[in-house]
Structures are given as structure tokens and as C-alpha cells.
């Protein structure tokens, strides 16, 4: 059982994942499972909600549906470039000085859809 005084013992994510799975397989209510295993009901509920939410990272690339890629853009003042149009709403413009590895990563995300 969790200690009431002093520092509380912290368990890793895998510990809670295992208990969540075992509780679901047991057929017991969450409250009864926690009583039988000397777990905090609130901690198990917290971890269940935390682990059931999809991972959200606002800084991550978001794949977008790629309908078609349309040709090559005319040369600009800065040099030749490529313009990738995704429908009528999205355009990706790449100058000749764009990093090839960055372009490869962008295209792999788009193709992964």
C-alpha cells in the first residue's frame, strides 16, 4: 500500500500497464482489484487514463493525405525549385538550396499515408 508519510514509492509505467491488463482480465471491478492487490484506486485510474490516450506531440509532423503531386515549378529568382501541390489547399515549395535529407523525410511522411 502507498506510504502516507514521507516520500511515496514511484512505480514505472510498465508496472501500471501490467496491473491495468491484469485488472481487465480478472473480471473484478477496479476498486476490488485495488483492494486485493493493495493498490491506490486513484493511481490505477490515473495510469489507465494516461495510457489509454493516444500520444500527443504538438511538435511532431502530421501526415496529410497525398492526392497527387503536380510537376516542377518554374525557376525563381533564387534558383530552380520544386513546387509540390497537394490538392488546392496545400503547396510545398522547395528551393535548390533545400536540404535533400529534409526533403526525403518530408516525402516519406507524405508517402506513408
Protein backbone atom coordinates (compact mmCIF):
# COMPACT_ATOMS: atom_id res chain seq x y z
CA UNK A 1 0.00 0.00 0.00
CA UNK A 2 1.20 3.55 -0.67
CA UNK A 3 3.04 5.17 2.21
CA UNK A 4 1.15 8.00 3.89
CA UNK A 5 4.17 9.75 5.40
CA UNK A 6 7.39 10.75 3.74
CA UNK A 7 8.19 10.00 0.15
CA UNK A 8 5.85 7.83 -1.87
CA UNK A 9 7.25 4.93 -3.84
CA UNK A 10 7.11 5.57 -7.58
CA UNK A 11 6.50 2.70 -9.94
CA UNK A 12 7.45 2.63 -13.63
CA UNK A 13 4.91 2.77 -16.44
CA UNK A 14 5.32 -0.97 -17.13
CA UNK A 15 4.20 -1.76 -13.56
CA UNK A 16 0.91 0.09 -14.11
CA UNK A 17 0.42 -1.34 -17.60
CA UNK A 18 0.67 -4.85 -16.17
CA UNK A 19 -1.82 -4.09 -13.38
CA UNK A 20 -4.28 -2.46 -15.79
CA UNK A 21 -4.14 -5.53 -18.05
CA UNK A 22 -4.49 -7.93 -15.09
CA UNK A 23 -7.43 -5.97 -13.66
CA UNK A 24 -9.24 -6.06 -17.00
CA UNK A 25 -8.58 -9.79 -17.38
CA UNK A 26 -9.63 -10.54 -13.79
CA UNK A 27 -13.26 -9.55 -14.22
CA UNK A 28 -13.03 -7.69 -10.90
CA UNK A 29 -14.11 -4.10 -10.54
CA UNK A 30 -11.24 -1.65 -10.38
CA UNK A 31 -12.00 -0.94 -6.72
CA UNK A 32 -12.00 -4.64 -5.76
CA UNK A 33 -8.82 -5.35 -7.74
CA UNK A 34 -7.09 -2.46 -5.97
CA UNK A 35 -8.20 -3.70 -2.56
CA UNK A 36 -6.94 -7.23 -3.26
CA UNK A 37 -3.59 -6.00 -4.60
CA UNK A 38 -3.07 -3.15 -2.13
CA UNK A 39 -3.05 -0.52 -4.87
CA UNK A 40 -4.29 3.02 -4.88
CA UNK A 41 -7.56 3.17 -6.80
CA UNK A 42 -6.79 6.74 -7.85
CA UNK A 43 -3.29 5.86 -9.09
CA UNK A 44 -4.59 2.93 -11.16
CA UNK A 45 -7.33 5.14 -12.62
CA UNK A 46 -4.81 7.89 -13.41
CA UNK A 47 -2.50 5.46 -15.23
CA UNK A 48 -5.39 3.82 -17.08
CA UNK A 49 -6.46 7.20 -18.46
CA UNK A 50 -2.89 8.28 -19.16
CA UNK A 51 -2.00 5.10 -21.04
CA UNK A 52 -5.27 4.88 -22.98
CA UNK A 53 -4.94 8.36 -24.53
CA UNK A 54 -3.20 8.48 -27.87
CA UNK A 55 0.22 10.03 -27.74
CA UNK A 56 0.00 13.74 -28.45
CA UNK A 57 3.05 15.68 -29.50
CA UNK A 58 2.21 19.12 -30.89
CA UNK A 59 5.71 19.44 -32.36
CA UNK A 60 5.50 16.26 -34.42
CA UNK A 61 4.97 16.04 -38.15
CA UNK A 62 1.40 15.24 -39.03
CA UNK A 63 0.84 13.04 -42.08
CA UNK A 64 -1.55 14.55 -44.62
CA UNK A 65 -3.39 12.71 -47.38
CA UNK A 66 -1.49 12.99 -50.64
CA UNK A 67 -3.79 13.06 -53.62
CA UNK A 68 -1.30 13.90 -56.32
CA UNK A 69 2.00 15.61 -56.92
CA UNK A 70 1.99 18.11 -59.76
CA UNK A 71 5.16 18.77 -61.71
CA UNK A 72 8.02 21.14 -61.34
CA UNK A 73 7.72 24.86 -60.68
CA UNK A 74 9.36 27.36 -62.98
CA UNK A 75 12.73 28.73 -61.93
CA UNK A 76 12.53 31.55 -59.42
CA UNK A 77 14.83 34.48 -58.75
CA UNK A 78 16.63 32.38 -56.14
CA UNK A 79 17.24 29.47 -58.47
CA UNK A 80 15.38 26.42 -59.74
CA UNK A 81 12.92 24.87 -57.37
CA UNK A 82 10.17 22.33 -57.00
CA UNK A 83 6.57 23.01 -56.04
CA UNK A 84 4.52 20.10 -54.73
CA UNK A 85 0.77 20.70 -54.75
CA UNK A 86 -1.50 18.64 -52.53
CA UNK A 87 -4.99 19.35 -53.75
CA UNK A 88 -5.86 23.03 -53.96
CA UNK A 89 -5.09 23.82 -50.31
CA UNK A 90 -1.51 22.73 -49.68
CA UNK A 91 1.70 23.52 -51.55
CA UNK A 92 5.25 22.66 -50.58
CA UNK A 93 7.89 24.79 -52.28
CA UNK A 94 11.50 23.68 -52.25
CA UNK A 95 14.39 25.89 -53.37
CA UNK A 96 17.52 24.43 -54.91
CA UNK A 97 19.34 25.04 -51.61
CA UNK A 98 16.91 22.90 -49.62
CA UNK A 99 18.44 20.01 -47.69
CA UNK A 100 18.00 16.72 -49.60
CA UNK A 101 17.73 14.74 -46.36
CA UNK A 102 14.97 17.04 -45.06
CA UNK A 103 13.07 16.70 -48.35
CA UNK A 104 13.42 12.92 -48.13
CA UNK A 105 11.96 12.94 -44.61
CA UNK A 106 9.02 15.16 -45.67
CA UNK A 107 8.25 12.96 -48.66
CA UNK A 108 8.48 9.75 -46.62
CA UNK A 109 5.89 11.14 -44.20
CA UNK A 110 3.62 12.04 -47.10
CA UNK A 111 4.08 8.64 -48.78
CA UNK A 112 3.44 6.78 -45.50
CA UNK A 113 -0.24 7.60 -45.69
